[in-house]
């Protein structure tokens, strides 16, 4: 699991290892350049794509299943657009 410096604590590393998850947490006080930005950029870009859909930017649905359906539709549209632009 990748995390930024805000989660640099032995408690969090221990909890992740108990779940058999390898922590990749940037250390406080060390120089930048851990490579975390490469992975974080992908996640933030995907959130940005999802926020292009107005119904997801502000959650209007009260029911979780409808909201999940909207997220699934948005992800499908994003994938379709990416596939069409690659041809």
PDB file of N, CA and C in Angstrom:
ATOM      1  N   UNK A   1       0.841  -1.159   0.000  1.00  0.00           N
ATOM      2  CA  UNK A   1       0.000   0.000   0.000  1.00  0.00           C
ATOM      3  C   UNK A   1       0.894   1.231   0.000  1.00  0.00           C
ATOM      4  N   UNK A   2       0.560   2.190  -0.844  1.00  0.00           N
ATOM      5  CA  UNK A   2       1.303   3.432  -0.932  1.00  0.00           C
ATOM      6  C   UNK A   2       0.608   4.483  -0.083  1.00  0.00           C
ATOM      7  N   UNK A   3       1.393   5.246   0.669  1.00  0.00           N
ATOM      8  CA  UNK A   3       0.831   6.304   1.511  1.00  0.00           C
ATOM      9  C   UNK A   3       1.855   7.428   1.624  1.00  0.00           C
ATOM     10  N   UNK A   4       1.369   8.620   1.941  1.00  0.00           N
ATOM     11  CA  UNK A   4       2.283   9.751   2.065  1.00  0.00           C
ATOM     12  C   UNK A   4       2.788   9.887   3.499  1.00  0.00           C
ATOM     13  N   UNK A   5       3.548  10.947   3.759  1.00  0.00           N
ATOM     14  CA  UNK A   5       4.215  11.128   5.046  1.00  0.00           C
ATOM     15  C   UNK A   5       3.266  11.251   6.233  1.00  0.00           C
ATOM     16  N   UNK A   6       2.036  11.604   5.993  1.00  0.00           N
ATOM     17  CA  UNK A   6       1.081  11.741   7.087  1.00  0.00           C
ATOM     18  C   UNK A   6       0.807  10.424   7.811  1.00  0.00           C
ATOM     19  N   UNK A   7       1.113   9.309   7.149  1.00  0.00           N
ATOM     20  CA  UNK A   7       0.874   7.991   7.746  1.00  0.00           C
ATOM     21  C   UNK A   7       2.162   7.324   8.199  1.00  0.00           C
ATOM     22  N   UNK A   8       3.228   8.087   8.309  1.00  0.00           N
ATOM     23  CA  UNK A   8       4.521   7.536   8.721  1.00  0.00           C
ATOM     24  C   UNK A   8       4.538   7.329  10.232  1.00  0.00           C
ATOM     25  N   UNK A   9       4.097   6.166  10.651  1.00  0.00           N
ATOM     26  CA  UNK A   9       4.095   5.809  12.067  1.00  0.00           C
ATOM     27  C   UNK A   9       4.188   4.292  12.154  1.00  0.00           C
ATOM     28  N   UNK A  10       4.901   3.810  13.158  1.00  0.00           N
ATOM     29  CA  UNK A  10       5.080   2.369  13.301  1.00  0.00           C
ATOM     30  C   UNK A  10       3.758   1.632  13.490  1.00  0.00           C
ATOM     31  N   UNK A  11       2.799   2.292  14.117  1.00  0.00           N
ATOM     32  CA  UNK A  11       1.492   1.660  14.346  1.00  0.00           C
ATOM     33  C   UNK A  11       0.832   1.274  13.025  1.00  0.00           C
ATOM     34  N   UNK A  12       0.867   2.192  12.050  1.00  0.00           N
ATOM     35  CA  UNK A  12       0.240   1.920  10.756  1.00  0.00           C
ATOM     36  C   UNK A  12       0.994   0.843   9.987  1.00  0.00           C
ATOM     37  N   UNK A  13       2.315   0.872  10.066  1.00  0.00           N
ATOM     38  CA  UNK A  13       3.101  -0.163   9.392  1.00  0.00           C
ATOM     39  C   UNK A  13       2.819  -1.535   9.990  1.00  0.00           C
ATOM     40  N   UNK A  14       2.701  -1.596  11.298  1.00  0.00           N
ATOM     41  CA  UNK A  14       2.422  -2.860  11.971  1.00  0.00           C
ATOM     42  C   UNK A  14       1.054  -3.398  11.585  1.00  0.00           C
ATOM     43  N   UNK A  15       0.044  -2.511  11.563  1.00  0.00           N
ATOM     44  CA  UNK A  15      -1.303  -2.938  11.190  1.00  0.00           C
ATOM     45  C   UNK A  15      -1.355  -3.467   9.759  1.00  0.00           C
ATOM     46  N   UNK A  16      -0.628  -2.824   8.870  1.00  0.00           N
ATOM     47  CA  UNK A  16      -0.604  -3.295   7.485  1.00  0.00           C
ATOM     48  C   UNK A  16       0.073  -4.651   7.374  1.00  0.00           C
ATOM     49  N   UNK A  17       1.176  -4.816   8.092  1.00  0.00           N
ATOM     50  CA  UNK A  17       1.872  -6.103   8.029  1.00  0.00           C
ATOM     51  C   UNK A  17       1.042  -7.228   8.631  1.00  0.00           C
ATOM     52  N   UNK A  18       0.238  -6.933   9.640  1.00  0.00           N
ATOM     53  CA  UNK A  18      -0.658  -7.945  10.202  1.00  0.00           C
ATOM     54  C   UNK A  18      -1.680  -8.413   9.172  1.00  0.00           C
ATOM     55  N   UNK A  19      -2.051  -7.530   8.257  1.00  0.00           N
ATOM     56  CA  UNK A  19      -2.994  -7.866   7.192  1.00  0.00           C
ATOM     57  C   UNK A  19      -2.273  -8.429   5.964  1.00  0.00           C
ATOM     58  N   UNK A  20      -0.963  -8.673   6.082  1.00  0.00           N
ATOM     59  CA  UNK A  20      -0.118  -9.169   5.000  1.00  0.00           C
ATOM     60  C   UNK A  20      -0.061  -8.207   3.816  1.00  0.00           C
ATOM     61  N   UNK A  21       0.002  -6.915   4.142  1.00  0.00           N
ATOM     62  CA  UNK A  21       0.115  -5.865   3.141  1.00  0.00           C
ATOM     63  C   UNK A  21       1.471  -5.209   3.318  1.00  0.00           C
ATOM     64  N   UNK A  22       2.214  -5.070   2.225  1.00  0.00           N
ATOM     65  CA  UNK A  22       3.520  -4.434   2.282  1.00  0.00           C
ATOM     66  C   UNK A  22       3.350  -2.922   2.257  1.00  0.00           C
ATOM     67  N   UNK A  23       3.748  -2.226   3.334  1.00  0.00           N
ATOM     68  CA  UNK A  23       3.592  -0.764   3.349  1.00  0.00           C
ATOM     69  C   UNK A  23       4.695  -0.076   2.561  1.00  0.00           C
ATOM     70  N   UNK A  24       4.319   0.868   1.742  1.00  0.00           N
ATOM     71  CA  UNK A  24       5.247   1.744   1.018  1.00  0.00           C
ATOM     72  C   UNK A  24       4.895   3.161   1.438  1.00  0.00           C
ATOM     73  N   UNK A  25       5.356   3.540   2.631  1.00  0.00           N
ATOM     74  CA  UNK A  25       5.008   4.826   3.214  1.00  0.00           C
ATOM     75  C   UNK A  25       6.252   5.710   3.214  1.00  0.00           C
ATOM     76  N   UNK A  26       6.104   6.924   2.685  1.00  0.00           N
ATOM     77  CA  UNK A  26       7.220   7.863   2.665  1.00  0.00           C
ATOM     78  C   UNK A  26       7.596   8.227   4.105  1.00  0.00           C
ATOM     79  N   UNK A  27       8.881   8.330   4.355  1.00  0.00           N
ATOM     80  CA  UNK A  27       9.376   8.649   5.694  1.00  0.00           C
ATOM     81  C   UNK A  27       9.452  10.162   5.885  1.00  0.00           C
ATOM     82  N   UNK A  28       9.115  10.580   7.103  1.00  0.00           N
ATOM     83  CA  UNK A  28       9.236  12.007   7.437  1.00  0.00           C
ATOM     84  C   UNK A  28      10.704  12.365   7.583  1.00  0.00           C
ATOM     85  N   UNK A  29      11.020  13.586   7.198  1.00  0.00           N
ATOM     86  CA  UNK A  29      12.386  14.076   7.358  1.00  0.00           C
ATOM     87  C   UNK A  29      13.333  13.654   6.254  1.00  0.00           C
ATOM     88  N   UNK A  30      12.907  12.807   5.349  1.00  0.00           N
ATOM     89  CA  UNK A  30      13.768  12.408   4.242  1.00  0.00           C
ATOM     90  C   UNK A  30      13.457  13.253   3.020  1.00  0.00           C
ATOM     91  N   UNK A  31      14.399  13.303   2.134  1.00  0.00           N
ATOM     92  CA  UNK A  31      14.221  14.088   0.910  1.00  0.00           C
ATOM     93  C   UNK A  31      13.116  13.490   0.055  1.00  0.00           C
ATOM     94  N   UNK A  32      12.492  14.340  -0.751  1.00  0.00           N
ATOM     95  CA  UNK A  32      11.475  13.851  -1.677  1.00  0.00           C
ATOM     96  C   UNK A  32      12.135  12.968  -2.720  1.00  0.00           C
ATOM     97  N   UNK A  33      11.340  12.241  -3.410  1.00  0.00           N
ATOM     98  CA  UNK A  33      11.896  11.369  -4.439  1.00  0.00           C
ATOM     99  C   UNK A  33      11.661   9.909  -4.117  1.00  0.00           C
ATOM    100  N   UNK A  34      10.656   9.635  -3.276  1.00  0.00           N
ATOM    101  CA  UNK A  34      10.369   8.249  -2.931  1.00  0.00           C
ATOM    102  C   UNK A  34       9.675   7.515  -4.068  1.00  0.00           C
ATOM    103  N   UNK A  35       9.187   8.261  -5.075  1.00  0.00           N
ATOM    104  CA  UNK A  35       8.480   7.629  -6.182  1.00  0.00           C
ATOM    105  C   UNK A  35       6.991   7.521  -5.942  1.00  0.00           C
ATOM    106  N   UNK A  36       6.530   7.978  -4.788  1.00  0.00           N
ATOM    107  CA  UNK A  36       5.115   7.879  -4.452  1.00  0.00           C
ATOM    108  C   UNK A  36       4.258   8.730  -5.376  1.00  0.00           C
ATOM    109  N   UNK A  37       4.798   9.825  -5.864  1.00  0.00           N
ATOM    110  CA  UNK A  37       4.034  10.723  -6.721  1.00  0.00           C
ATOM    111  C   UNK A  37       3.555  10.073  -8.004  1.00  0.00           C
ATOM    112  N   UNK A  38       4.315   9.100  -8.520  1.00  0.00           N
ATOM    113  CA  UNK A  38       3.907   8.403  -9.740  1.00  0.00           C
ATOM    114  C   UNK A  38       2.597   7.669  -9.516  1.00  0.00           C
ATOM    115  N   UNK A  39       2.464   7.017  -8.389  1.00  0.00           N
ATOM    116  CA  UNK A  39       1.266   6.238  -8.094  1.00  0.00           C
ATOM    117  C   UNK A  39       0.123   7.149  -7.665  1.00  0.00           C
ATOM    118  N   UNK A  40       0.441   8.177  -6.922  1.00  0.00           N
ATOM    119  CA  UNK A  40      -0.589   9.085  -6.435  1.00  0.00           C
ATOM    120  C   UNK A  40      -1.223   9.861  -7.586  1.00  0.00           C
ATOM    121  N   UNK A  41      -0.422  10.207  -8.578  1.00  0.00           N
ATOM    122  CA  UNK A  41      -0.927  10.959  -9.719  1.00  0.00           C
ATOM    123  C   UNK A  41      -2.001  10.166 -10.451  1.00  0.00           C
ATOM    124  N   UNK A  42      -1.830   8.872 -10.588  1.00  0.00           N
ATOM    125  CA  UNK A  42      -2.826   8.040 -11.263  1.00  0.00           C
ATOM    126  C   UNK A  42      -4.159   8.065 -10.528  1.00  0.00           C
ATOM    127  N   UNK A  43      -4.107   7.992  -9.224  1.00  0.00           N
ATOM    128  CA  UNK A  43      -5.333   7.991  -8.424  1.00  0.00           C
ATOM    129  C   UNK A  43      -6.018   9.350  -8.508  1.00  0.00           C
ATOM    130  N   UNK A  44      -5.257  10.430  -8.354  1.00  0.00           N
ATOM    131  CA  UNK A  44      -5.855  11.763  -8.398  1.00  0.00           C
ATOM    132  C   UNK A  44      -6.407  12.093  -9.781  1.00  0.00           C
ATOM    133  N   UNK A  45      -5.747  11.600 -10.838  1.00  0.00           N
ATOM    134  CA  UNK A  45      -6.264  11.803 -12.187  1.00  0.00           C
ATOM    135  C   UNK A  45      -7.598  11.079 -12.362  1.00  0.00           C
ATOM    136  N   UNK A  46      -7.706   9.874 -11.817  1.00  0.00           N
ATOM    137  CA  UNK A  46      -8.952   9.116 -11.926  1.00  0.00           C
ATOM    138  C   UNK A  46     -10.071   9.806 -11.163  1.00  0.00           C
ATOM    139  N   UNK A  47      -9.779  10.331  -9.977  1.00  0.00           N
ATOM    140  CA  UNK A  47     -10.793  11.093  -9.239  1.00  0.00           C
ATOM    141  C   UNK A  47     -11.231  12.311 -10.038  1.00  0.00           C
ATOM    142  N   UNK A  48     -10.289  12.949 -10.711  1.00  0.00           N
ATOM    143  CA  UNK A  48     -10.627  14.105 -11.529  1.00  0.00           C
ATOM    144  C   UNK A  48     -11.566  13.712 -12.660  1.00  0.00           C
ATOM    145  N   UNK A  49     -11.316  12.579 -13.290  1.00  0.00           N
ATOM    146  CA  UNK A  49     -12.205  12.103 -14.352  1.00  0.00           C
ATOM    147  C   UNK A  49     -13.600  11.825 -13.807  1.00  0.00           C
ATOM    148  N   UNK A  50     -13.673  11.232 -12.625  1.00  0.00           N
ATOM    149  CA  UNK A  50     -14.985  10.930 -12.036  1.00  0.00           C
ATOM    150  C   UNK A  50     -15.739  12.203 -11.665  1.00  0.00           C
ATOM    151  N   UNK A  51     -15.009  13.248 -11.270  1.00  0.00           N
ATOM    152  CA  UNK A  51     -15.670  14.496 -10.894  1.00  0.00           C
ATOM    153  C   UNK A  51     -16.167  15.291 -12.095  1.00  0.00           C
ATOM    154  N   UNK A  52     -15.826  14.836 -13.300  1.00  0.00           N
ATOM    155  CA  UNK A  52     -16.403  15.457 -14.486  1.00  0.00           C
ATOM    156  C   UNK A  52     -17.879  15.108 -14.638  1.00  0.00           C
ATOM    157  N   UNK A  53     -18.335  14.104 -13.917  1.00  0.00           N
ATOM    158  CA  UNK A  53     -19.745  13.727 -13.926  1.00  0.00           C
ATOM    159  C   UNK A  53     -20.425  14.441 -12.763  1.00  0.00           C
ATOM    160  N   UNK A  54     -21.335  15.344 -13.095  1.00  0.00           N
ATOM    161  CA  UNK A  54     -21.938  16.223 -12.091  1.00  0.00           C
ATOM    162  C   UNK A  54     -22.638  15.450 -10.973  1.00  0.00           C
ATOM    163  N   UNK A  55     -23.274  14.334 -11.314  1.00  0.00           N
ATOM    164  CA  UNK A  55     -23.989  13.572 -10.291  1.00  0.00           C
ATOM    165  C   UNK A  55     -23.043  12.939  -9.284  1.00  0.00           C
ATOM    166  N   UNK A  56     -21.797  12.792  -9.652  1.00  0.00           N
ATOM    167  CA  UNK A  56     -20.823  12.226  -8.721  1.00  0.00           C
ATOM    168  C   UNK A  56     -20.072  13.314  -7.963  1.00  0.00           C
ATOM    169  N   UNK A  57     -19.958  14.489  -8.566  1.00  0.00           N
ATOM    170  CA  UNK A  57     -19.262  15.588  -7.893  1.00  0.00           C
ATOM    171  C   UNK A  57     -20.003  15.976  -6.622  1.00  0.00           C
ATOM    172  N   UNK A  58     -21.307  16.122  -6.733  1.00  0.00           N
ATOM    173  CA  UNK A  58     -22.156  16.366  -5.573  1.00  0.00           C
ATOM    174  C   UNK A  58     -23.103  15.184  -5.464  1.00  0.00           C
ATOM    175  N   UNK A  59     -23.041  14.497  -4.377  1.00  0.00           N
ATOM    176  CA  UNK A  59     -23.832  13.280  -4.240  1.00  0.00           C
ATOM    177  C   UNK A  59     -25.279  13.643  -3.944  1.00  0.00           C
ATOM    178  N   UNK A  60     -26.149  13.395  -4.925  1.00  0.00           N
ATOM    179  CA  UNK A  60     -27.567  13.673  -4.773  1.00  0.00           C
ATOM    180  C   UNK A  60     -28.330  12.452  -4.278  1.00  0.00           C
ATOM    181  N   UNK A  61     -27.840  11.277  -4.597  1.00  0.00           N
ATOM    182  CA  UNK A  61     -28.551  10.056  -4.217  1.00  0.00           C
ATOM    183  C   UNK A  61     -28.339   9.737  -2.741  1.00  0.00           C
ATOM    184  N   UNK A  62     -29.405   9.357  -2.103  1.00  0.00           N
ATOM    185  CA  UNK A  62     -29.296   8.950  -0.697  1.00  0.00           C
ATOM    186  C   UNK A  62     -28.983   7.466  -0.583  1.00  0.00           C
ATOM    187  N   UNK A  63     -29.445   6.714  -1.554  1.00  0.00           N
ATOM    188  CA  UNK A  63     -29.235   5.261  -1.508  1.00  0.00           C
ATOM    189  C   UNK A  63     -27.860   4.910  -2.058  1.00  0.00           C
ATOM    190  N   UNK A  64     -27.158   4.072  -1.321  1.00  0.00           N
ATOM    191  CA  UNK A  64     -25.798   3.698  -1.702  1.00  0.00           C
ATOM    192  C   UNK A  64     -25.774   2.877  -2.986  1.00  0.00           C
ATOM    193  N   UNK A  65     -26.791   2.062  -3.220  1.00  0.00           N
ATOM    194  CA  UNK A  65     -26.778   1.226  -4.418  1.00  0.00           C
ATOM    195  C   UNK A  65     -26.921   2.066  -5.688  1.00  0.00           C
ATOM    196  N   UNK A  66     -27.698   3.130  -5.622  1.00  0.00           N
ATOM    197  CA  UNK A  66     -27.837   4.005  -6.786  1.00  0.00           C
ATOM    198  C   UNK A  66     -26.536   4.771  -7.026  1.00  0.00           C
ATOM    199  N   UNK A  67     -25.914   5.233  -5.950  1.00  0.00           N
ATOM    200  CA  UNK A  67     -24.636   5.932  -6.089  1.00  0.00           C
ATOM    201  C   UNK A  67     -23.581   4.998  -6.677  1.00  0.00           C
ATOM    202  N   UNK A  68     -23.545   3.759  -6.217  1.00  0.00           N
ATOM    203  CA  UNK A  68     -22.597   2.779  -6.750  1.00  0.00           C
ATOM    204  C   UNK A  68     -22.863   2.521  -8.235  1.00  0.00           C
ATOM    205  N   UNK A  69     -24.123   2.486  -8.619  1.00  0.00           N
ATOM    206  CA  UNK A  69     -24.462   2.295 -10.030  1.00  0.00           C
ATOM    207  C   UNK A  69     -23.959   3.473 -10.867  1.00  0.00           C
ATOM    208  N   UNK A  70     -24.089   4.689 -10.344  1.00  0.00           N
ATOM    209  CA  UNK A  70     -23.606   5.866 -11.067  1.00  0.00           C
ATOM    210  C   UNK A  70     -22.084   5.837 -11.209  1.00  0.00           C
ATOM    211  N   UNK A  71     -21.396   5.387 -10.189  1.00  0.00           N
ATOM    212  CA  UNK A  71     -19.941   5.263 -10.269  1.00  0.00           C
ATOM    213  C   UNK A  71     -19.564   4.218 -11.319  1.00  0.00           C
ATOM    214  N   UNK A  72     -20.294   3.116 -11.357  1.00  0.00           N
ATOM    215  CA  UNK A  72     -20.016   2.075 -12.350  1.00  0.00           C
ATOM    216  C   UNK A  72     -20.253   2.571 -13.764  1.00  0.00           C
ATOM    217  N   UNK A  73     -21.328   3.317 -13.963  1.00  0.00           N
ATOM    218  CA  UNK A  73     -21.613   3.880 -15.294  1.00  0.00           C
ATOM    219  C   UNK A  73     -20.522   4.868 -15.684  1.00  0.00           C
ATOM    220  N   UNK A  74     -20.112   5.726 -14.751  1.00  0.00           N
ATOM    221  CA  UNK A  74     -19.067   6.705 -15.040  1.00  0.00           C
ATOM    222  C   UNK A  74     -17.758   6.003 -15.396  1.00  0.00           C
ATOM    223  N   UNK A  75     -17.403   4.964 -14.668  1.00  0.00           N
ATOM    224  CA  UNK A  75     -16.174   4.222 -14.973  1.00  0.00           C
ATOM    225  C   UNK A  75     -16.262   3.565 -16.347  1.00  0.00           C
ATOM    226  N   UNK A  76     -17.426   3.060 -16.696  1.00  0.00           N
ATOM    227  CA  UNK A  76     -17.620   2.453 -18.015  1.00  0.00           C
ATOM    228  C   UNK A  76     -17.465   3.493 -19.117  1.00  0.00           C
ATOM    229  N   UNK A  77     -18.031   4.667 -18.915  1.00  0.00           N
ATOM    230  CA  UNK A  77     -17.915   5.735 -19.909  1.00  0.00           C
ATOM    231  C   UNK A  77     -16.460   6.180 -20.044  1.00  0.00           C
ATOM    232  N   UNK A  78     -15.751   6.298 -18.937  1.00  0.00           N
ATOM    233  CA  UNK A  78     -14.345   6.691 -18.969  1.00  0.00           C
ATOM    234  C   UNK A  78     -13.535   5.653 -19.745  1.00  0.00           C
ATOM    235  N   UNK A  79     -13.766   4.371 -19.475  1.00  0.00           N
ATOM    236  CA  UNK A  79     -13.041   3.313 -20.185  1.00  0.00           C
ATOM    237  C   UNK A  79     -13.374   3.326 -21.670  1.00  0.00           C
ATOM    238  N   UNK A  80     -14.638   3.516 -22.019  1.00  0.00           N
ATOM    239  CA  UNK A  80     -15.049   3.568 -23.415  1.00  0.00           C
ATOM    240  C   UNK A  80     -14.368   4.731 -24.135  1.00  0.00           C
ATOM    241  N   UNK A  81     -14.332   5.892 -23.490  1.00  0.00           N
ATOM    242  CA  UNK A  81     -13.673   7.052 -24.104  1.00  0.00           C
ATOM    243  C   UNK A  81     -12.194   6.794 -24.327  1.00  0.00           C
ATOM    244  N   UNK A  82     -11.548   6.169 -23.354  1.00  0.00           N
ATOM    245  CA  UNK A  82     -10.121   5.867 -23.492  1.00  0.00           C
ATOM    246  C   UNK A  82      -9.877   4.867 -24.616  1.00  0.00           C
ATOM    247  N   UNK A  83     -10.760   3.877 -24.720  1.00  0.00           N
ATOM    248  CA  UNK A  83     -10.605   2.894 -25.795  1.00  0.00           C
ATOM    249  C   UNK A  83     -10.831   3.529 -27.162  1.00  0.00           C
ATOM    250  N   UNK A  84     -11.848   4.367 -27.285  1.00  0.00           N
ATOM    251  CA  UNK A  84     -12.129   5.001 -28.566  1.00  0.00           C
ATOM    252  C   UNK A  84     -11.037   5.970 -28.988  1.00  0.00           C
ATOM    253  N   UNK A  85     -10.408   6.633 -28.018  1.00  0.00           N
ATOM    254  CA  UNK A  85      -9.343   7.579 -28.363  1.00  0.00           C
ATOM    255  C   UNK A  85      -8.040   6.860 -28.740  1.00  0.00           C
ATOM    256  N   UNK A  86      -7.908   5.587 -28.382  1.00  0.00           N
ATOM    257  CA  UNK A  86      -6.676   4.855 -28.711  1.00  0.00           C
ATOM    258  C   UNK A  86      -6.708   4.281 -30.119  1.00  0.00           C
ATOM    259  N   UNK A  87      -7.854   4.279 -30.770  1.00  0.00           N
ATOM    260  CA  UNK A  87      -7.947   3.734 -32.132  1.00  0.00           C
ATOM    261  C   UNK A  87      -7.890   4.802 -33.160  1.00  0.00           C
TER     262      UNK A  87
END
